[in-house]
Amino acid sequence: MTSIVMLNAMDLSDSSCPQYWPDEGSQDHGLFTVTVANVVKFDGYNVKLMKLEHRRQKRSQYLKHYQVTDWPVNQEMPKSPSTLLHLILTVEKEKEKGKHSPILVHCIDGLNRSGVFCVLKNSLDRLHQDDTVDIMQTTKVLRLNRPNMLNDLNLYRFCYDAMLAYVSNPDEFRVDIMPQPVYENMPAKQEEKATPEESIYQNVEKPPESSEA
């Protein structure tokens, strides 16, 4: 697993979804150390480059953490389809580079916001593969593995609106090829503002392969 998608902003008063990364530097969680190497701010979401290290086994890996920032916890609906569509297509670009590990998607309840992301992602995959869209069938299939997923009617309708927006003008949501995988590139600067088409990375030597103790 090299990608995490988080569909809600942090709410420090909600203990069901605590912050599991440091604001800066490193933070220990049991035998694991999480280090935030870089934060890139896009319009509507942030991308954090993290290093996850198992201290006992002396093994580590890099991963990308995508967090939506314009969908407040107390707001039922996203502001527009744009952020989620751009985010999904950006994450998909990373997978196309050969990192075929699963994407970990989460929100507070694991049902509605995560459901919107999964329904839209699978619908986009289906559209690109066979040129069809079937929100109802896509939702039914997801519910076989996650009962009650996407049980909010307004968010279900939002998925239709989002796919209509994409089909009507796919060029609006085009995502150019992002920088090389995080294993081969490290960020040049902290807290950069960027658009999806802009690279803020500099090439560095690929980190050595980790070895077990």
N, C-alpha and C. Protein backbone atom coordinates (compact mmCIF):
# COMPACT_ATOMS: atom_id res chain seq x y z
N MET A 1 0.84 -1.18 0.00
CA MET A 1 0.00 0.00 0.00
C MET A 1 0.88 1.24 0.00
N THR A 2 0.71 2.09 -1.01
CA THR A 2 1.53 3.29 -1.11
C THR A 2 0.70 4.56 -1.20
N SER A 3 -0.63 4.45 -1.13
CA SER A 3 -1.50 5.62 -1.21
C SER A 3 -2.61 5.52 -0.19
N ILE A 4 -2.82 6.62 0.55
CA ILE A 4 -3.93 6.75 1.49
C ILE A 4 -4.75 7.95 1.08
N VAL A 5 -6.06 7.78 1.00
CA VAL A 5 -6.97 8.88 0.67
C VAL A 5 -7.87 9.12 1.88
N MET A 6 -7.85 10.34 2.39
CA MET A 6 -8.65 10.73 3.55
C MET A 6 -9.67 11.76 3.10
N LEU A 7 -10.96 11.46 3.32
CA LEU A 7 -12.03 12.27 2.76
C LEU A 7 -12.60 13.29 3.73
N ASN A 8 -11.95 13.53 4.85
CA ASN A 8 -12.46 14.53 5.79
C ASN A 8 -11.31 15.33 6.38
N ALA A 9 -11.64 16.57 6.75
CA ALA A 9 -10.67 17.40 7.46
C ALA A 9 -10.58 16.92 8.90
N MET A 10 -9.54 17.32 9.61
CA MET A 10 -9.36 16.89 10.98
C MET A 10 -10.35 17.61 11.90
N ASP A 11 -10.94 16.86 12.80
CA ASP A 11 -11.79 17.39 13.85
C ASP A 11 -11.23 16.87 15.16
N LEU A 12 -10.47 17.72 15.86
CA LEU A 12 -9.77 17.27 17.06
C LEU A 12 -10.72 16.85 18.18
N SER A 13 -11.99 17.27 18.09
CA SER A 13 -12.96 16.89 19.11
C SER A 13 -13.54 15.50 18.87
N ASP A 14 -13.25 14.92 17.72
CA ASP A 14 -13.79 13.60 17.37
C ASP A 14 -12.70 12.55 17.54
N SER A 15 -12.81 11.75 18.59
CA SER A 15 -11.77 10.76 18.88
C SER A 15 -11.85 9.54 17.97
N SER A 16 -12.91 9.43 17.16
CA SER A 16 -13.04 8.28 16.27
C SER A 16 -12.10 8.34 15.08
N CYS A 17 -11.54 9.53 14.82
CA CYS A 17 -10.62 9.67 13.68
C CYS A 17 -9.46 10.57 14.09
N PRO A 18 -8.57 10.07 14.95
CA PRO A 18 -7.45 10.89 15.41
C PRO A 18 -6.42 11.12 14.32
N GLN A 19 -5.65 12.16 14.48
CA GLN A 19 -4.58 12.45 13.52
C GLN A 19 -3.45 11.46 13.73
N TYR A 20 -3.06 10.76 12.69
CA TYR A 20 -2.05 9.70 12.81
C TYR A 20 -0.73 10.09 12.16
N TRP A 21 -0.51 11.36 11.93
CA TRP A 21 0.75 11.85 11.39
C TRP A 21 1.12 13.13 12.14
N PRO A 22 2.39 13.47 12.19
CA PRO A 22 2.80 14.71 12.86
C PRO A 22 2.59 15.92 11.96
N ASP A 23 2.39 17.07 12.57
CA ASP A 23 2.30 18.30 11.78
C ASP A 23 3.64 18.59 11.11
N GLU A 24 4.71 18.20 11.77
CA GLU A 24 6.05 18.32 11.19
C GLU A 24 6.96 17.33 11.90
N GLY A 25 8.06 16.99 11.26
CA GLY A 25 8.99 16.05 11.86
C GLY A 25 8.45 14.64 11.92
N SER A 26 8.73 13.93 13.03
CA SER A 26 8.37 12.52 13.17
C SER A 26 7.50 12.30 14.39
N GLN A 27 6.79 11.17 14.37
CA GLN A 27 5.90 10.81 15.48
C GLN A 27 5.86 9.30 15.57
N ASP A 28 5.95 8.77 16.80
CA ASP A 28 5.93 7.33 17.02
C ASP A 28 4.52 6.84 17.32
N HIS A 29 4.18 5.69 16.72
CA HIS A 29 2.94 4.99 17.01
C HIS A 29 3.29 3.53 17.23
N GLY A 30 3.44 3.15 18.49
CA GLY A 30 3.88 1.80 18.78
C GLY A 30 5.27 1.56 18.22
N LEU A 31 5.41 0.53 17.38
CA LEU A 31 6.70 0.21 16.79
C LEU A 31 6.98 0.99 15.51
N PHE A 32 6.03 1.83 15.11
CA PHE A 32 6.17 2.55 13.85
C PHE A 32 6.51 4.02 14.10
N THR A 33 7.31 4.57 13.21
CA THR A 33 7.61 6.00 13.20
C THR A 33 7.11 6.59 11.89
N VAL A 34 6.31 7.63 12.00
CA VAL A 34 5.77 8.32 10.83
C VAL A 34 6.47 9.66 10.68
N THR A 35 7.04 9.89 9.52
CA THR A 35 7.73 11.14 9.24
C THR A 35 7.09 11.82 8.04
N VAL A 36 6.73 13.08 8.18
CA VAL A 36 6.20 13.86 7.06
C VAL A 36 7.37 14.55 6.38
N ALA A 37 7.66 14.14 5.16
CA ALA A 37 8.79 14.70 4.42
C ALA A 37 8.42 15.97 3.67
N ASN A 38 7.15 16.07 3.26
CA ASN A 38 6.75 17.21 2.45
C ASN A 38 5.23 17.32 2.39
N VAL A 39 4.73 18.54 2.24
CA VAL A 39 3.30 18.77 2.06
C VAL A 39 3.12 19.64 0.82
N VAL A 40 2.31 19.17 -0.12
CA VAL A 40 2.01 19.92 -1.33
C VAL A 40 0.53 20.28 -1.30
N LYS A 41 0.23 21.55 -1.45
CA LYS A 41 -1.16 22.01 -1.38
C LYS A 41 -1.71 22.26 -2.78
N PHE A 42 -2.75 21.52 -3.11
CA PHE A 42 -3.49 21.74 -4.35
C PHE A 42 -4.81 22.42 -4.01
N ASP A 43 -5.57 22.76 -5.01
CA ASP A 43 -6.85 23.41 -4.80
C ASP A 43 -7.88 22.38 -4.34
N GLY A 44 -8.16 22.36 -3.04
CA GLY A 44 -9.16 21.45 -2.50
C GLY A 44 -8.62 20.22 -1.80
N TYR A 45 -7.33 19.94 -1.95
CA TYR A 45 -6.75 18.80 -1.25
C TYR A 45 -5.24 18.98 -1.11
N ASN A 46 -4.68 18.30 -0.12
CA ASN A 46 -3.25 18.31 0.12
C ASN A 46 -2.67 16.92 -0.14
N VAL A 47 -1.41 16.89 -0.50
CA VAL A 47 -0.70 15.62 -0.67
C VAL A 47 0.53 15.64 0.24
N LYS A 48 0.58 14.71 1.16
CA LYS A 48 1.73 14.59 2.05
C LYS A 48 2.58 13.41 1.62
N LEU A 49 3.87 13.63 1.56
CA LEU A 49 4.81 12.54 1.34
C LEU A 49 5.29 12.07 2.70
N MET A 50 5.01 10.82 3.04
CA MET A 50 5.32 10.28 4.35
C MET A 50 6.28 9.11 4.26
N LYS A 51 7.06 8.96 5.29
CA LYS A 51 7.91 7.79 5.44
C LYS A 51 7.41 7.00 6.65
N LEU A 52 7.11 5.74 6.44
CA LEU A 52 6.65 4.85 7.50
C LEU A 52 7.75 3.84 7.80
N GLU A 53 8.21 3.84 9.04
CA GLU A 53 9.34 2.99 9.42
C GLU A 53 8.96 2.06 10.57
N HIS A 54 9.29 0.78 10.42
CA HIS A 54 9.14 -0.19 11.50
C HIS A 54 10.48 -0.27 12.22
N ARG A 55 10.53 0.25 13.44
CA ARG A 55 11.83 0.41 14.11
C ARG A 55 12.46 -0.93 14.47
N ARG A 56 11.67 -1.90 14.87
CA ARG A 56 12.25 -3.18 15.28
C ARG A 56 12.80 -3.93 14.07
N GLN A 57 12.04 -3.97 12.99
CA GLN A 57 12.47 -4.69 11.79
C GLN A 57 13.39 -3.85 10.91
N LYS A 58 13.51 -2.58 11.25
CA LYS A 58 14.35 -1.65 10.47
C LYS A 58 13.96 -1.67 8.99
N ARG A 59 12.68 -1.62 8.76
CA ARG A 59 12.14 -1.55 7.40
C ARG A 59 11.35 -0.26 7.25
N SER A 60 11.36 0.30 6.06
CA SER A 60 10.64 1.55 5.84
C SER A 60 10.13 1.61 4.41
N GLN A 61 9.13 2.45 4.20
CA GLN A 61 8.64 2.71 2.86
C GLN A 61 8.03 4.10 2.82
N TYR A 62 7.96 4.65 1.62
CA TYR A 62 7.32 5.95 1.43
C TYR A 62 5.90 5.73 0.93
N LEU A 63 5.02 6.62 1.31
CA LEU A 63 3.66 6.59 0.81
C LEU A 63 3.15 8.02 0.66
N LYS A 64 2.09 8.15 -0.12
CA LYS A 64 1.45 9.45 -0.31
C LYS A 64 0.09 9.46 0.38
N HIS A 65 -0.14 10.54 1.10
CA HIS A 65 -1.38 10.71 1.85
C HIS A 65 -2.14 11.89 1.23
N TYR A 66 -3.30 11.58 0.65
CA TYR A 66 -4.14 12.60 0.01
C TYR A 66 -5.28 12.95 0.96
N GLN A 67 -5.42 14.24 1.28
CA GLN A 67 -6.48 14.65 2.20
C GLN A 67 -7.30 15.78 1.59
N VAL A 68 -8.61 15.55 1.50
CA VAL A 68 -9.52 16.59 1.01
C VAL A 68 -9.63 17.68 2.06
N THR A 69 -9.54 18.94 1.64
CA THR A 69 -9.56 20.06 2.58
C THR A 69 -10.76 20.98 2.41
N ASP A 70 -11.54 20.82 1.34
CA ASP A 70 -12.67 21.72 1.13
C ASP A 70 -14.02 21.03 1.33
N TRP A 71 -14.03 19.97 2.14
CA TRP A 71 -15.27 19.28 2.49
C TRP A 71 -15.32 19.18 4.01
N PRO A 72 -15.74 20.26 4.70
CA PRO A 72 -15.73 20.30 6.16
C PRO A 72 -16.55 19.17 6.77
N VAL A 73 -16.19 18.80 7.99
CA VAL A 73 -16.86 17.69 8.68
C VAL A 73 -18.36 17.96 8.82
N ASN A 74 -18.72 19.22 9.08
CA ASN A 74 -20.14 19.55 9.31
C ASN A 74 -20.88 19.90 8.02
N GLN A 75 -20.27 19.64 6.88
CA GLN A 75 -20.90 19.94 5.59
C GLN A 75 -21.23 18.64 4.89
N GLU A 76 -22.52 18.42 4.62
CA GLU A 76 -22.95 17.14 4.05
C GLU A 76 -22.42 16.92 2.65
N MET A 77 -22.49 17.95 1.82
CA MET A 77 -22.16 17.81 0.41
C MET A 77 -20.83 18.46 0.08
N PRO A 78 -20.08 17.90 -0.87
CA PRO A 78 -18.90 18.60 -1.38
C PRO A 78 -19.32 19.89 -2.07
N LYS A 79 -18.41 20.85 -2.14
CA LYS A 79 -18.73 22.12 -2.79
C LYS A 79 -19.02 21.93 -4.27
N SER A 80 -18.26 21.06 -4.90
CA SER A 80 -18.44 20.78 -6.32
C SER A 80 -17.79 19.44 -6.64
N PRO A 81 -18.09 18.87 -7.81
CA PRO A 81 -17.43 17.61 -8.18
C PRO A 81 -15.95 17.77 -8.50
N SER A 82 -15.52 18.98 -8.75
CA SER A 82 -14.19 19.21 -9.30
C SER A 82 -13.08 18.61 -8.44
N THR A 83 -13.11 18.90 -7.12
CA THR A 83 -12.03 18.44 -6.25
C THR A 83 -11.90 16.92 -6.27
N LEU A 84 -13.02 16.22 -6.08
CA LEU A 84 -12.97 14.76 -6.02
C LEU A 84 -12.55 14.15 -7.35
N LEU A 85 -13.03 14.69 -8.45
CA LEU A 85 -12.64 14.15 -9.75
C LEU A 85 -11.16 14.36 -10.01
N HIS A 86 -10.65 15.55 -9.71
CA HIS A 86 -9.21 15.79 -9.86
C HIS A 86 -8.41 14.86 -8.96
N LEU A 87 -8.87 14.69 -7.72
CA LEU A 87 -8.16 13.83 -6.78
C LEU A 87 -8.13 12.39 -7.28
N ILE A 88 -9.27 11.87 -7.70
CA ILE A 88 -9.34 10.49 -8.18
C ILE A 88 -8.42 10.28 -9.37
N LEU A 89 -8.44 11.20 -10.31
CA LEU A 89 -7.61 11.06 -11.50
C LEU A 89 -6.13 11.19 -11.17
N THR A 90 -5.80 12.01 -10.16
CA THR A 90 -4.41 12.14 -9.73
C THR A 90 -3.92 10.85 -9.09
N VAL A 91 -4.73 10.27 -8.21
CA VAL A 91 -4.37 9.00 -7.58
C VAL A 91 -4.21 7.91 -8.63
N GLU A 92 -5.09 7.91 -9.62
CA GLU A 92 -5.02 6.90 -10.67
C GLU A 92 -3.75 7.03 -11.49
N LYS A 93 -3.29 8.26 -11.71
CA LYS A 93 -2.04 8.47 -12.43
C LYS A 93 -0.87 7.82 -11.69
N GLU A 94 -0.90 7.90 -10.37
CA GLU A 94 0.16 7.28 -9.59
C GLU A 94 0.15 5.76 -9.79
N LYS A 95 -1.04 5.17 -9.83
CA LYS A 95 -1.13 3.71 -10.01
C LYS A 95 -0.62 3.29 -11.38
N GLU A 96 -0.80 4.14 -12.37
CA GLU A 96 -0.37 3.80 -13.73
C GLU A 96 1.14 3.72 -13.85
N LYS A 97 1.86 4.24 -12.86
CA LYS A 97 3.32 4.20 -12.92
C LYS A 97 3.89 2.87 -12.47
N GLY A 98 3.02 1.94 -12.16
CA GLY A 98 3.51 0.62 -11.79
C GLY A 98 3.32 0.25 -10.35
N LYS A 99 2.81 1.17 -9.55
CA LYS A 99 2.56 0.89 -8.15
C LYS A 99 1.13 0.36 -8.02
N HIS A 100 0.96 -0.92 -8.20
CA HIS A 100 -0.37 -1.51 -8.30
C HIS A 100 -0.91 -1.99 -6.95
N SER A 101 -0.38 -1.48 -5.87
CA SER A 101 -0.88 -1.87 -4.56
C SER A 101 -2.23 -1.21 -4.31
N PRO A 102 -3.01 -1.75 -3.38
CA PRO A 102 -4.34 -1.19 -3.11
C PRO A 102 -4.26 0.25 -2.59
N ILE A 103 -5.35 0.98 -2.79
CA ILE A 103 -5.49 2.33 -2.24
C ILE A 103 -6.31 2.22 -0.96
N LEU A 104 -5.80 2.77 0.13
CA LEU A 104 -6.55 2.78 1.38
C LEU A 104 -7.38 4.06 1.41
N VAL A 105 -8.70 3.91 1.46
CA VAL A 105 -9.62 5.05 1.46
C VAL A 105 -10.37 5.07 2.78
N HIS A 106 -10.41 6.23 3.44
CA HIS A 106 -11.15 6.28 4.70
C HIS A 106 -11.74 7.66 4.94
N CYS A 107 -12.76 7.67 5.78
CA CYS A 107 -13.38 8.90 6.28
C CYS A 107 -13.72 8.62 7.74
N ILE A 108 -14.71 9.31 8.30
CA ILE A 108 -15.03 9.09 9.70
C ILE A 108 -15.83 7.81 9.90
N ASP A 109 -16.85 7.58 9.06
CA ASP A 109 -17.68 6.39 9.25
C ASP A 109 -17.41 5.29 8.22
N GLY A 110 -16.59 5.56 7.22
CA GLY A 110 -16.27 4.55 6.22
C GLY A 110 -17.41 4.20 5.30
N LEU A 111 -18.45 5.02 5.26
CA LEU A 111 -19.63 4.70 4.47
C LEU A 111 -19.91 5.70 3.36
N ASN A 112 -20.16 6.94 3.72
CA ASN A 112 -20.66 7.88 2.73
C ASN A 112 -19.57 8.62 1.96
N ARG A 113 -18.66 9.28 2.64
CA ARG A 113 -17.61 9.98 1.91
C ARG A 113 -16.71 8.99 1.19
N SER A 114 -16.33 7.93 1.88
CA SER A 114 -15.55 6.89 1.22
C SER A 114 -16.34 6.26 0.09
N GLY A 115 -17.65 6.13 0.30
CA GLY A 115 -18.51 5.57 -0.73
C GLY A 115 -18.54 6.42 -1.98
N VAL A 116 -18.62 7.75 -1.80
CA VAL A 116 -18.60 8.65 -2.95
C VAL A 116 -17.31 8.47 -3.74
N PHE A 117 -16.18 8.44 -3.04
CA PHE A 117 -14.89 8.27 -3.72
C PHE A 117 -14.85 6.96 -4.49
N CYS A 118 -15.24 5.87 -3.85
CA CYS A 118 -15.15 4.55 -4.49
C CYS A 118 -16.12 4.43 -5.67
N VAL A 119 -17.33 4.94 -5.51
CA VAL A 119 -18.30 4.88 -6.61
C VAL A 119 -17.80 5.69 -7.80
N LEU A 120 -17.29 6.89 -7.54
CA LEU A 120 -16.80 7.72 -8.64
C LEU A 120 -15.56 7.10 -9.29
N LYS A 121 -14.65 6.58 -8.48
CA LYS A 121 -13.44 5.98 -9.06
C LYS A 121 -13.80 4.77 -9.93
N ASN A 122 -14.64 3.89 -9.40
CA ASN A 122 -15.03 2.71 -10.18
C ASN A 122 -15.84 3.09 -11.41
N SER A 123 -16.64 4.15 -11.30
CA SER A 123 -17.42 4.61 -12.46
C SER A 123 -16.51 5.18 -13.54
N LEU A 124 -15.48 5.91 -13.13
CA LEU A 124 -14.52 6.43 -14.10
C LEU A 124 -13.75 5.29 -14.76
N ASP A 125 -13.37 4.29 -13.98
CA ASP A 125 -12.69 3.13 -14.55
C ASP A 125 -13.58 2.45 -15.59
N ARG A 126 -14.84 2.28 -15.25
CA ARG A 126 -15.77 1.63 -16.17
C ARG A 126 -15.97 2.46 -17.43
N LEU A 127 -16.08 3.76 -17.26
CA LEU A 127 -16.26 4.65 -18.41
C LEU A 127 -15.07 4.55 -19.35
N HIS A 128 -13.86 4.54 -18.79
CA HIS A 128 -12.66 4.49 -19.63
C HIS A 128 -12.46 3.12 -20.28
N GLN A 129 -13.00 2.07 -19.65
CA GLN A 129 -12.82 0.72 -20.19
C GLN A 129 -13.85 0.36 -21.26
N ASP A 130 -15.13 0.65 -20.99
CA ASP A 130 -16.15 0.23 -21.96
C ASP A 130 -17.15 1.32 -22.31
N ASP A 131 -16.82 2.56 -21.94
CA ASP A 131 -17.61 3.71 -22.38
C ASP A 131 -19.05 3.67 -21.86
N THR A 132 -19.24 3.17 -20.66
CA THR A 132 -20.57 3.16 -20.04
C THR A 132 -20.48 3.68 -18.61
N VAL A 133 -21.62 4.17 -18.11
CA VAL A 133 -21.73 4.62 -16.73
C VAL A 133 -22.97 3.98 -16.12
N ASP A 134 -22.81 3.36 -14.95
CA ASP A 134 -23.95 2.75 -14.26
C ASP A 134 -23.73 2.93 -12.76
N ILE A 135 -24.17 4.07 -12.24
CA ILE A 135 -23.96 4.38 -10.83
C ILE A 135 -24.65 3.36 -9.93
N MET A 136 -25.87 2.97 -10.28
CA MET A 136 -26.62 2.04 -9.45
C MET A 136 -25.91 0.69 -9.34
N GLN A 137 -25.47 0.14 -10.46
CA GLN A 137 -24.80 -1.15 -10.44
C GLN A 137 -23.46 -1.07 -9.72
N THR A 138 -22.74 0.02 -9.93
CA THR A 138 -21.46 0.21 -9.25
C THR A 138 -21.65 0.24 -7.74
N THR A 139 -22.68 0.94 -7.29
CA THR A 139 -22.97 1.02 -5.86
C THR A 139 -23.37 -0.35 -5.31
N LYS A 140 -24.17 -1.09 -6.05
CA LYS A 140 -24.60 -2.43 -5.61
C LYS A 140 -23.40 -3.35 -5.43
N VAL A 141 -22.47 -3.30 -6.34
CA VAL A 141 -21.28 -4.16 -6.25
C VAL A 141 -20.45 -3.80 -5.03
N LEU A 142 -20.27 -2.51 -4.78
CA LEU A 142 -19.50 -2.08 -3.61
C LEU A 142 -20.17 -2.51 -2.32
N ARG A 143 -21.49 -2.49 -2.30
CA ARG A 143 -22.21 -2.86 -1.08
C ARG A 143 -22.11 -4.35 -0.78
N LEU A 144 -21.73 -5.16 -1.74
CA LEU A 144 -21.51 -6.58 -1.47
C LEU A 144 -20.36 -6.77 -0.50
N ASN A 145 -19.37 -5.88 -0.57
CA ASN A 145 -18.21 -5.95 0.31
C ASN A 145 -18.31 -5.00 1.50
N ARG A 146 -19.09 -3.93 1.33
CA ARG A 146 -19.24 -2.94 2.41
C ARG A 146 -20.71 -2.57 2.52
N PRO A 147 -21.49 -3.34 3.29
CA PRO A 147 -22.92 -3.06 3.42
C PRO A 147 -23.18 -1.63 3.87
N ASN A 148 -24.24 -1.05 3.33
CA ASN A 148 -24.68 0.31 3.67
C ASN A 148 -23.77 1.41 3.12
N MET A 149 -22.81 1.03 2.31
CA MET A 149 -21.97 2.07 1.71
C MET A 149 -22.81 3.01 0.86
N LEU A 150 -22.53 4.29 0.97
CA LEU A 150 -23.23 5.35 0.24
C LEU A 150 -24.74 5.25 0.45
N ASN A 151 -25.15 5.41 1.72
CA ASN A 151 -26.57 5.30 2.04
C ASN A 151 -27.26 6.66 2.15
N ASP A 152 -26.55 7.72 1.79
CA ASP A 152 -27.12 9.07 1.80
C ASP A 152 -27.62 9.41 0.39
N LEU A 153 -28.91 9.71 0.28
CA LEU A 153 -29.52 9.94 -1.03
C LEU A 153 -28.91 11.14 -1.74
N ASN A 154 -28.63 12.21 -1.00
CA ASN A 154 -28.06 13.40 -1.63
C ASN A 154 -26.67 13.13 -2.19
N LEU A 155 -25.87 12.34 -1.46
CA LEU A 155 -24.55 12.01 -1.97
C LEU A 155 -24.64 11.04 -3.15
N TYR A 156 -25.63 10.18 -3.13
CA TYR A 156 -25.87 9.28 -4.26
C TYR A 156 -26.18 10.10 -5.52
N ARG A 157 -27.02 11.12 -5.37
CA ARG A 157 -27.33 12.01 -6.49
C ARG A 157 -26.09 12.78 -6.92
N PHE A 158 -25.26 13.14 -5.94
CA PHE A 158 -24.02 13.86 -6.26
C PHE A 158 -23.15 13.05 -7.21
N CYS A 159 -23.12 11.74 -7.04
CA CYS A 159 -22.32 10.89 -7.92
C CYS A 159 -22.80 10.99 -9.36
N TYR A 160 -24.11 11.05 -9.56
CA TYR A 160 -24.65 11.24 -10.91
C TYR A 160 -24.22 12.59 -11.47
N ASP A 161 -24.33 13.63 -10.64
CA ASP A 161 -23.94 14.98 -11.09
C ASP A 161 -22.46 15.03 -11.44
N ALA A 162 -21.64 14.37 -10.62
CA ALA A 162 -20.19 14.39 -10.86
C ALA A 162 -19.84 13.69 -12.17
N MET A 163 -20.44 12.54 -12.41
CA MET A 163 -20.16 11.83 -13.65
C MET A 163 -20.69 12.58 -14.86
N LEU A 164 -21.84 13.25 -14.71
CA LEU A 164 -22.36 14.07 -15.80
C LEU A 164 -21.40 15.21 -16.12
N ALA A 165 -20.85 15.84 -15.07
CA ALA A 165 -19.89 16.92 -15.28
C ALA A 165 -18.66 16.42 -16.01
N TYR A 166 -18.19 15.22 -15.64
CA TYR A 166 -16.99 14.68 -16.29
C TYR A 166 -17.26 14.31 -17.74
N VAL A 167 -18.37 13.62 -17.99
CA VAL A 167 -18.68 13.19 -19.35
C VAL A 167 -18.92 14.39 -20.25
N SER A 168 -19.50 15.45 -19.71
CA SER A 168 -19.81 16.64 -20.50
C SER A 168 -18.55 17.38 -20.93
N ASN A 169 -17.51 17.34 -20.09
CA ASN A 169 -16.29 18.07 -20.42
C ASN A 169 -15.09 17.41 -19.75
N PRO A 170 -14.65 16.26 -20.24
CA PRO A 170 -13.54 15.55 -19.60
C PRO A 170 -12.24 16.34 -19.60
N ASP A 171 -12.03 17.21 -20.58
CA ASP A 171 -10.79 17.98 -20.63
C ASP A 171 -10.65 18.90 -19.42
N GLU A 172 -11.76 19.29 -18.83
CA GLU A 172 -11.71 20.16 -17.66
C GLU A 172 -11.04 19.48 -16.49
N PHE A 173 -11.09 18.17 -16.46
CA PHE A 173 -10.56 17.41 -15.34
C PHE A 173 -9.29 16.65 -15.70
N ARG A 174 -8.70 16.97 -16.83
CA ARG A 174 -7.49 16.27 -17.27
C ARG A 174 -6.35 16.52 -16.30
N VAL A 175 -5.67 15.46 -15.97
CA VAL A 175 -4.53 15.55 -15.06
C VAL A 175 -3.29 15.13 -15.83
N ASP A 176 -2.36 16.04 -15.97
CA ASP A 176 -1.10 15.70 -16.63
C ASP A 176 -0.32 14.72 -15.76
N ILE A 177 0.66 14.08 -16.37
CA ILE A 177 1.48 13.11 -15.63
C ILE A 177 2.17 13.82 -14.47
N MET A 178 1.97 13.25 -13.29
CA MET A 178 2.54 13.82 -12.08
C MET A 178 4.03 13.46 -11.98
N PRO A 179 4.75 13.98 -10.97
CA PRO A 179 6.16 13.66 -10.81
C PRO A 179 6.39 12.16 -10.64
N GLN A 180 7.66 11.74 -10.76
CA GLN A 180 8.01 10.34 -10.65
C GLN A 180 7.64 9.81 -9.26
N PRO A 181 7.55 8.48 -9.09
CA PRO A 181 7.17 7.92 -7.80
C PRO A 181 8.03 8.46 -6.67
N VAL A 182 7.45 8.51 -5.47
CA VAL A 182 8.14 9.11 -4.34
C VAL A 182 9.41 8.34 -3.97
N TYR A 183 9.53 7.10 -4.43
CA TYR A 183 10.73 6.33 -4.13
C TYR A 183 11.94 6.88 -4.88
N GLU A 184 11.70 7.61 -5.95
CA GLU A 184 12.78 8.10 -6.77
C GLU A 184 12.94 9.62 -6.69
N ASN A 185 11.96 10.30 -6.13
CA ASN A 185 12.01 11.75 -6.04
C ASN A 185 11.64 12.19 -4.64
N MET A 186 12.34 13.19 -4.17
CA MET A 186 12.00 13.80 -2.90
C MET A 186 11.65 15.25 -3.14
N PRO A 187 10.79 15.85 -2.31
CA PRO A 187 10.33 17.21 -2.54
C PRO A 187 11.44 18.23 -2.38
N ALA A 188 11.32 19.29 -3.16
CA ALA A 188 12.33 20.33 -3.13
C ALA A 188 12.10 21.32 -2.01
N LYS A 189 10.81 21.64 -1.73
CA LYS A 189 10.51 22.67 -0.75
C LYS A 189 9.34 22.23 0.11
N GLN A 190 9.23 22.85 1.28
CA GLN A 190 8.12 22.58 2.17
C GLN A 190 6.95 23.48 1.84
N GLU A 191 5.73 22.95 2.02
CA GLU A 191 4.50 23.73 1.96
C GLU A 191 4.38 24.56 0.69
N GLU A 192 4.59 23.94 -0.47
CA GLU A 192 4.46 24.65 -1.74
C GLU A 192 3.00 24.72 -2.16
N LYS A 193 2.63 25.80 -2.82
CA LYS A 193 1.34 25.88 -3.49
C LYS A 193 1.56 25.47 -4.93
N ALA A 194 0.66 24.65 -5.47
CA ALA A 194 0.87 24.16 -6.82
C ALA A 194 -0.46 23.84 -7.46
N THR A 195 -0.42 23.68 -8.76
CA THR A 195 -1.56 23.16 -9.49
C THR A 195 -1.19 21.75 -9.92
N PRO A 196 -2.16 20.90 -10.27
CA PRO A 196 -1.83 19.52 -10.64
C PRO A 196 -0.86 19.42 -11.79
N GLU A 197 -0.75 20.46 -12.61
CA GLU A 197 0.13 20.39 -13.76
C GLU A 197 1.56 20.81 -13.43
N GLU A 198 1.79 21.33 -12.21
CA GLU A 198 3.10 21.85 -11.87
C GLU A 198 3.87 20.85 -11.01
N SER A 199 5.10 20.60 -11.37
CA SER A 199 5.95 19.73 -10.58
C SER A 199 6.77 20.57 -9.62
N ILE A 200 6.83 20.16 -8.36
CA ILE A 200 7.64 20.89 -7.40
C ILE A 200 8.73 19.98 -6.83
N TYR A 201 9.03 18.93 -7.58
CA TYR A 201 9.98 17.96 -7.09
C TYR A 201 11.35 18.13 -7.74
N GLN A 202 12.36 17.69 -7.03
CA GLN A 202 13.69 17.63 -7.60
C GLN A 202 14.17 16.19 -7.55
N ASN A 203 14.90 15.77 -8.55
CA ASN A 203 15.40 14.41 -8.58
C ASN A 203 16.54 14.25 -7.59
N VAL A 204 16.48 13.17 -6.85
CA VAL A 204 17.56 12.84 -5.95
C VAL A 204 17.86 11.37 -6.12
N GLU A 205 18.93 10.92 -5.51
CA GLU A 205 19.30 9.52 -5.62
C GLU A 205 18.24 8.64 -4.97
N LYS A 206 17.90 7.55 -5.60
CA LYS A 206 16.90 6.63 -5.06
C LYS A 206 17.39 6.08 -3.72
N PRO A 207 16.51 6.09 -2.67
CA PRO A 207 16.92 5.58 -1.38
C PRO A 207 17.33 4.12 -1.47
N PRO A 208 18.31 3.71 -0.67
CA PRO A 208 18.74 2.30 -0.70
C PRO A 208 17.63 1.39 -0.23
N GLU A 209 17.64 0.16 -0.74
CA GLU A 209 16.66 -0.82 -0.32
C GLU A 209 16.84 -1.11 1.17
N SER A 210 15.72 -1.13 1.90
CA SER A 210 15.80 -1.42 3.32
C SER A 210 16.05 -2.91 3.52
N SER A 211 16.67 -3.27 4.60
CA SER A 211 16.97 -4.66 4.90
C SER A 211 16.47 -4.99 6.30
N GLU A 212 16.16 -6.24 6.51
CA GLU A 212 15.68 -6.67 7.82
C GLU A 212 16.85 -6.80 8.77
N ALA A 213 16.54 -6.58 10.05
CA ALA A 213 17.58 -6.66 11.07
C ALA A 213 18.05 -8.10 11.23
